[in-house]
Amino acid sequence: MTPPFTPLTAQPAWVHFEKIFLRNGGLKVTHALVCALLGFFFAGTGMAPIIHNGVAATADVVSSLRP
């Protein structure tokens, strides 16, 4: 018998990404591939620290919000 609720940590992150964005029609597979390729491209450039700092700052702001 399987439990009615599977914790989020029981599955890899890409499974949740696929469930949320691809199945709901909010993100197409081709767009996800282009974003992944751009991510690898930018990781090899001098823009990587700037992007990392911007994402980290955004995550800090979002995590400090209380609904």
PDB file of N, CA and C in Angstrom:
ATOM      1  N   MET A   1       0.842  -1.184   0.000  1.00  0.00           N
ATOM      2  CA  MET A   1       0.000   0.000   0.000  1.00  0.00           C
ATOM      3  C   MET A   1       0.884   1.242   0.000  1.00  0.00           C
ATOM      4  N   THR A   2       0.604   2.177  -0.887  1.00  0.00           N
ATOM      5  CA  THR A   2       1.384   3.403  -0.955  1.00  0.00           C
ATOM      6  C   THR A   2       0.718   4.484  -0.129  1.00  0.00           C
ATOM      7  N   PRO A   3       1.520   5.362   0.451  1.00  0.00           N
ATOM      8  CA  PRO A   3       0.936   6.446   1.240  1.00  0.00           C
ATOM      9  C   PRO A   3       0.189   7.418   0.336  1.00  0.00           C
ATOM     10  N   PRO A   4      -0.859   8.085   0.837  1.00  0.00           N
ATOM     11  CA  PRO A   4      -1.621   9.014   0.011  1.00  0.00           C
ATOM     12  C   PRO A   4      -0.842  10.273  -0.334  1.00  0.00           C
ATOM     13  N   PHE A   5       0.190  10.564   0.427  1.00  0.00           N
ATOM     14  CA  PHE A   5       0.979  11.773   0.188  1.00  0.00           C
ATOM     15  C   PHE A   5       2.436  11.394   0.098  1.00  0.00           C
ATOM     16  N   THR A   6       3.083  11.787  -0.981  1.00  0.00           N
ATOM     17  CA  THR A   6       4.508  11.544  -1.148  1.00  0.00           C
ATOM     18  C   THR A   6       5.245  12.828  -0.815  1.00  0.00           C
ATOM     19  N   PRO A   7       6.177  12.807   0.136  1.00  0.00           N
ATOM     20  CA  PRO A   7       6.914  14.033   0.466  1.00  0.00           C
ATOM     21  C   PRO A   7       7.714  14.530  -0.731  1.00  0.00           C
ATOM     22  N   LEU A   8       7.929  15.820  -0.784  1.00  0.00           N
ATOM     23  CA  LEU A   8       8.665  16.411  -1.907  1.00  0.00           C
ATOM     24  C   LEU A   8      10.084  15.883  -2.010  1.00  0.00           C
ATOM     25  N   THR A   9      10.680  15.495  -0.898  1.00  0.00           N
ATOM     26  CA  THR A   9      12.063  15.040  -0.925  1.00  0.00           C
ATOM     27  C   THR A   9      12.197  13.630  -1.472  1.00  0.00           C
ATOM     28  N   ALA A  10      11.089  12.929  -1.690  1.00  0.00           N
ATOM     29  CA  ALA A  10      11.146  11.560  -2.181  1.00  0.00           C
ATOM     30  C   ALA A  10      11.406  11.494  -3.675  1.00  0.00           C
ATOM     31  N   GLN A  11      11.297  12.601  -4.387  1.00  0.00           N
ATOM     32  CA  GLN A  11      11.488  12.620  -5.833  1.00  0.00           C
ATOM     33  C   GLN A  11      12.521  13.675  -6.188  1.00  0.00           C
ATOM     34  N   PRO A  12      13.222  13.468  -7.308  1.00  0.00           N
ATOM     35  CA  PRO A  12      14.178  14.490  -7.755  1.00  0.00           C
ATOM     36  C   PRO A  12      13.467  15.800  -8.112  1.00  0.00           C
ATOM     37  N   ALA A  13      14.210  16.881  -8.074  1.00  0.00           N
ATOM     38  CA  ALA A  13      13.628  18.206  -8.326  1.00  0.00           C
ATOM     39  C   ALA A  13      13.040  18.315  -9.724  1.00  0.00           C
ATOM     40  N   TRP A  14      13.647  17.668 -10.714  1.00  0.00           N
ATOM     41  CA  TRP A  14      13.136  17.795 -12.083  1.00  0.00           C
ATOM     42  C   TRP A  14      11.757  17.184 -12.226  1.00  0.00           C
ATOM     43  N   VAL A  15      11.415  16.218 -11.380  1.00  0.00           N
ATOM     44  CA  VAL A  15      10.076  15.624 -11.438  1.00  0.00           C
ATOM     45  C   VAL A  15       9.043  16.666 -11.055  1.00  0.00           C
ATOM     46  N   HIS A  16       9.317  17.435 -10.020  1.00  0.00           N
ATOM     47  CA  HIS A  16       8.391  18.484  -9.592  1.00  0.00           C
ATOM     48  C   HIS A  16       8.328  19.588 -10.635  1.00  0.00           C
ATOM     49  N   PHE A  17       9.471  19.919 -11.224  1.00  0.00           N
ATOM     50  CA  PHE A  17       9.515  20.930 -12.280  1.00  0.00           C
ATOM     51  C   PHE A  17       8.610  20.513 -13.432  1.00  0.00           C
ATOM     52  N   GLU A  18       8.710  19.249 -13.820  1.00  0.00           N
ATOM     53  CA  GLU A  18       7.909  18.737 -14.930  1.00  0.00           C
ATOM     54  C   GLU A  18       6.431  18.756 -14.585  1.00  0.00           C
ATOM     55  N   LYS A  19       6.094  18.360 -13.384  1.00  0.00           N
ATOM     56  CA  LYS A  19       4.694  18.321 -12.982  1.00  0.00           C
ATOM     57  C   LYS A  19       4.072  19.711 -12.977  1.00  0.00           C
ATOM     58  N   ILE A  20       4.804  20.674 -12.474  1.00  0.00           N
ATOM     59  CA  ILE A  20       4.245  22.014 -12.311  1.00  0.00           C
ATOM     60  C   ILE A  20       4.189  22.767 -13.638  1.00  0.00           C
ATOM     61  N   PHE A  21       5.280  22.791 -14.368  1.00  0.00           N
ATOM     62  CA  PHE A  21       5.367  23.672 -15.526  1.00  0.00           C
ATOM     63  C   PHE A  21       4.996  23.017 -16.847  1.00  0.00           C
ATOM     64  N   LEU A  22       5.441  21.801 -17.087  1.00  0.00           N
ATOM     65  CA  LEU A  22       5.206  21.186 -18.385  1.00  0.00           C
ATOM     66  C   LEU A  22       3.794  20.628 -18.517  1.00  0.00           C
ATOM     67  N   ARG A  23       3.302  19.972 -17.503  1.00  0.00           N
ATOM     68  CA  ARG A  23       1.970  19.367 -17.606  1.00  0.00           C
ATOM     69  C   ARG A  23       0.864  20.401 -17.619  1.00  0.00           C
ATOM     70  N   ASN A  24       1.071  21.511 -16.975  1.00  0.00           N
ATOM     71  CA  ASN A  24       0.046  22.554 -16.951  1.00  0.00           C
ATOM     72  C   ASN A  24       0.077  23.421 -18.198  1.00  0.00           C
ATOM     73  N   GLY A  25       1.013  23.200 -19.082  1.00  0.00           N
ATOM     74  CA  GLY A  25       1.087  23.968 -20.312  1.00  0.00           C
ATOM     75  C   GLY A  25       1.753  25.313 -20.145  1.00  0.00           C
ATOM     76  N   GLY A  26       2.323  25.578 -18.988  1.00  0.00           N
ATOM     77  CA  GLY A  26       2.957  26.861 -18.752  1.00  0.00           C
ATOM     78  C   GLY A  26       4.351  26.967 -19.350  1.00  0.00           C
ATOM     79  N   LEU A  27       4.966  25.820 -19.627  1.00  0.00           N
ATOM     80  CA  LEU A  27       6.312  25.825 -20.184  1.00  0.00           C
ATOM     81  C   LEU A  27       6.434  24.694 -21.185  1.00  0.00           C
ATOM     82  N   LYS A  28       6.895  25.026 -22.370  1.00  0.00           N
ATOM     83  CA  LYS A  28       7.067  24.021 -23.405  1.00  0.00           C
ATOM     84  C   LYS A  28       8.455  23.399 -23.287  1.00  0.00           C
ATOM     85  N   VAL A  29       8.596  22.171 -23.759  1.00  0.00           N
ATOM     86  CA  VAL A  29       9.858  21.437 -23.657  1.00  0.00           C
ATOM     87  C   VAL A  29      10.971  22.185 -24.375  1.00  0.00           C
ATOM     88  N   THR A  30      10.676  22.729 -25.552  1.00  0.00           N
ATOM     89  CA  THR A  30      11.713  23.449 -26.301  1.00  0.00           C
ATOM     90  C   THR A  30      12.194  24.681 -25.543  1.00  0.00           C
ATOM     91  N   HIS A  31      11.279  25.371 -24.887  1.00  0.00           N
ATOM     92  CA  HIS A  31      11.670  26.551 -24.108  1.00  0.00           C
ATOM     93  C   HIS A  31      12.545  26.149 -22.922  1.00  0.00           C
ATOM     94  N   ALA A  32      12.203  25.033 -22.290  1.00  0.00           N
ATOM     95  CA  ALA A  32      13.006  24.553 -21.169  1.00  0.00           C
ATOM     96  C   ALA A  32      14.414  24.183 -21.633  1.00  0.00           C
ATOM     97  N   LEU A  33      14.534  23.554 -22.794  1.00  0.00           N
ATOM     98  CA  LEU A  33      15.852  23.195 -23.325  1.00  0.00           C
ATOM     99  C   LEU A  33      16.675  24.428 -23.656  1.00  0.00           C
ATOM    100  N   VAL A  34      16.043  25.431 -24.261  1.00  0.00           N
ATOM    101  CA  VAL A  34      16.762  26.668 -24.585  1.00  0.00           C
ATOM    102  C   VAL A  34      17.242  27.342 -23.310  1.00  0.00           C
ATOM    103  N   CYS A  35      16.402  27.380 -22.284  1.00  0.00           N
ATOM    104  CA  CYS A  35      16.801  27.987 -21.015  1.00  0.00           C
ATOM    105  C   CYS A  35      17.964  27.230 -20.386  1.00  0.00           C
ATOM    106  N   ALA A  36      17.930  25.906 -20.459  1.00  0.00           N
ATOM    107  CA  ALA A  36      19.026  25.105 -19.906  1.00  0.00           C
ATOM    108  C   ALA A  36      20.325  25.363 -20.671  1.00  0.00           C
ATOM    109  N   LEU A  37      20.251  25.414 -21.986  1.00  0.00           N
ATOM    110  CA  LEU A  37      21.453  25.677 -22.782  1.00  0.00           C
ATOM    111  C   LEU A  37      22.000  27.076 -22.515  1.00  0.00           C
ATOM    112  N   LEU A  38      21.121  28.059 -22.395  1.00  0.00           N
ATOM    113  CA  LEU A  38      21.578  29.412 -22.068  1.00  0.00           C
ATOM    114  C   LEU A  38      22.213  29.451 -20.683  1.00  0.00           C
ATOM    115  N   GLY A  39      21.663  28.676 -19.764  1.00  0.00           N
ATOM    116  CA  GLY A  39      22.246  28.606 -18.425  1.00  0.00           C
ATOM    117  C   GLY A  39      23.669  28.078 -18.455  1.00  0.00           C
ATOM    118  N   PHE A  40      23.897  27.008 -19.235  1.00  0.00           N
ATOM    119  CA  PHE A  40      25.255  26.477 -19.360  1.00  0.00           C
ATOM    120  C   PHE A  40      26.172  27.473 -20.065  1.00  0.00           C
ATOM    121  N   PHE A  41      25.654  28.189 -21.047  1.00  0.00           N
ATOM    122  CA  PHE A  41      26.464  29.186 -21.750  1.00  0.00           C
ATOM    123  C   PHE A  41      26.872  30.312 -20.807  1.00  0.00           C
ATOM    124  N   PHE A  42      25.905  30.856 -20.060  1.00  0.00           N
ATOM    125  CA  PHE A  42      26.205  31.956 -19.153  1.00  0.00           C
ATOM    126  C   PHE A  42      27.097  31.526 -17.993  1.00  0.00           C
ATOM    127  N   ALA A  43      27.027  30.253 -17.612  1.00  0.00           N
ATOM    128  CA  ALA A  43      27.880  29.767 -16.520  1.00  0.00           C
ATOM    129  C   ALA A  43      29.354  29.841 -16.900  1.00  0.00           C
ATOM    130  N   GLY A  44      29.645  29.778 -18.184  1.00  0.00           N
ATOM    131  CA  GLY A  44      31.032  29.835 -18.639  1.00  0.00           C
ATOM    132  C   GLY A  44      31.511  31.238 -18.970  1.00  0.00           C
ATOM    133  N   THR A  45      30.704  32.240 -18.717  1.00  0.00           N
ATOM    134  CA  THR A  45      31.096  33.614 -19.041  1.00  0.00           C
ATOM    135  C   THR A  45      31.343  34.403 -17.766  1.00  0.00           C
ATOM    136  N   GLY A  46      31.709  35.655 -17.942  1.00  0.00           N
ATOM    137  CA  GLY A  46      31.936  36.543 -16.812  1.00  0.00           C
ATOM    138  C   GLY A  46      30.649  37.033 -16.167  1.00  0.00           C
ATOM    139  N   MET A  47      29.510  36.717 -16.777  1.00  0.00           N
ATOM    140  CA  MET A  47      28.236  37.143 -16.222  1.00  0.00           C
ATOM    141  C   MET A  47      27.745  36.218 -15.115  1.00  0.00           C
ATOM    142  N   ALA A  48      28.375  35.066 -14.941  1.00  0.00           N
ATOM    143  CA  ALA A  48      27.915  34.075 -13.959  1.00  0.00           C
ATOM    144  C   ALA A  48      27.818  34.644 -12.539  1.00  0.00           C
ATOM    145  N   PRO A  49      28.838  35.361 -12.041  1.00  0.00           N
ATOM    146  CA  PRO A  49      28.711  35.906 -10.677  1.00  0.00           C
ATOM    147  C   PRO A  49      27.586  36.931 -10.544  1.00  0.00           C
ATOM    148  N   ILE A  50      27.365  37.728 -11.570  1.00  0.00           N
ATOM    149  CA  ILE A  50      26.308  38.734 -11.537  1.00  0.00           C
ATOM    150  C   ILE A  50      24.943  38.060 -11.486  1.00  0.00           C
ATOM    151  N   ILE A  51      24.765  37.040 -12.324  1.00  0.00           N
ATOM    152  CA  ILE A  51      23.495  36.313 -12.349  1.00  0.00           C
ATOM    153  C   ILE A  51      23.279  35.599 -11.019  1.00  0.00           C
ATOM    154  N   HIS A  52      24.317  34.982 -10.497  1.00  0.00           N
ATOM    155  CA  HIS A  52      24.211  34.271  -9.219  1.00  0.00           C
ATOM    156  C   HIS A  52      23.814  35.227  -8.098  1.00  0.00           C
ATOM    157  N   ASN A  53      24.444  36.374  -8.041  1.00  0.00           N
ATOM    158  CA  ASN A  53      24.120  37.361  -7.001  1.00  0.00           C
ATOM    159  C   ASN A  53      22.688  37.873  -7.144  1.00  0.00           C
ATOM    160  N   GLY A  54      22.248  38.087  -8.369  1.00  0.00           N
ATOM    161  CA  GLY A  54      20.881  38.557  -8.596  1.00  0.00           C
ATOM    162  C   GLY A  54      19.846  37.525  -8.186  1.00  0.00           C
ATOM    163  N   VAL A  55      20.099  36.267  -8.530  1.00  0.00           N
ATOM    164  CA  VAL A  55      19.165  35.202  -8.151  1.00  0.00           C
ATOM    165  C   VAL A  55      19.160  35.023  -6.637  1.00  0.00           C
ATOM    166  N   ALA A  56      20.325  35.086  -6.018  1.00  0.00           N
ATOM    167  CA  ALA A  56      20.404  34.938  -4.559  1.00  0.00           C
ATOM    168  C   ALA A  56      19.670  36.078  -3.859  1.00  0.00           C
ATOM    169  N   ALA A  57      19.827  37.297  -4.352  1.00  0.00           N
ATOM    170  CA  ALA A  57      19.127  38.441  -3.749  1.00  0.00           C
ATOM    171  C   ALA A  57      17.619  38.305  -3.913  1.00  0.00           C
ATOM    172  N   THR A  58      17.185  37.863  -5.072  1.00  0.00           N
ATOM    173  CA  THR A  58      15.752  37.652  -5.304  1.00  0.00           C
ATOM    174  C   THR A  58      15.209  36.565  -4.392  1.00  0.00           C
ATOM    175  N   ALA A  59      15.962  35.488  -4.227  1.00  0.00           N
ATOM    176  CA  ALA A  59      15.535  34.400  -3.342  1.00  0.00           C
ATOM    177  C   ALA A  59      15.442  34.877  -1.896  1.00  0.00           C
ATOM    178  N   ASP A  60      16.355  35.732  -1.482  1.00  0.00           N
ATOM    179  CA  ASP A  60      16.302  36.282  -0.122  1.00  0.00           C
ATOM    180  C   ASP A  60      15.049  37.120   0.089  1.00  0.00           C
ATOM    181  N   VAL A  61      14.713  37.938  -0.898  1.00  0.00           N
ATOM    182  CA  VAL A  61      13.523  38.787  -0.784  1.00  0.00           C
ATOM    183  C   VAL A  61      12.274  37.921  -0.736  1.00  0.00           C
ATOM    184  N   VAL A  62      12.198  36.925  -1.620  1.00  0.00           N
ATOM    185  CA  VAL A  62      11.009  36.068  -1.669  1.00  0.00           C
ATOM    186  C   VAL A  62      10.876  35.256  -0.388  1.00  0.00           C
ATOM    187  N   SER A  63      11.995  34.763   0.134  1.00  0.00           N
ATOM    188  CA  SER A  63      11.926  33.939   1.346  1.00  0.00           C
ATOM    189  C   SER A  63      11.562  34.767   2.578  1.00  0.00           C
ATOM    190  N   SER A  64      11.786  36.070   2.523  1.00  0.00           N
ATOM    191  CA  SER A  64      11.445  36.909   3.678  1.00  0.00           C
ATOM    192  C   SER A  64       9.973  37.318   3.680  1.00  0.00           C
ATOM    193  N   LEU A  65       9.270  37.103   2.585  1.00  0.00           N
ATOM    194  CA  LEU A  65       7.843  37.445   2.510  1.00  0.00           C
ATOM    195  C   LEU A  65       7.030  36.445   3.306  1.00  0.00           C
ATOM    196  N   ARG A  66       6.053  36.947   4.030  1.00  0.00           N
ATOM    197  CA  ARG A  66       5.143  36.094   4.786  1.00  0.00           C
ATOM    198  C   ARG A  66       3.731  36.295   4.251  1.00  0.00           C
ATOM    199  N   PRO A  67       3.077  35.211   3.873  1.00  0.00           N
ATOM    200  CA  PRO A  67       1.712  35.367   3.301  1.00  0.00           C
ATOM    201  C   PRO A  67       0.699  35.769   4.344  1.00  0.00           C
TER     202      PRO A  67
END
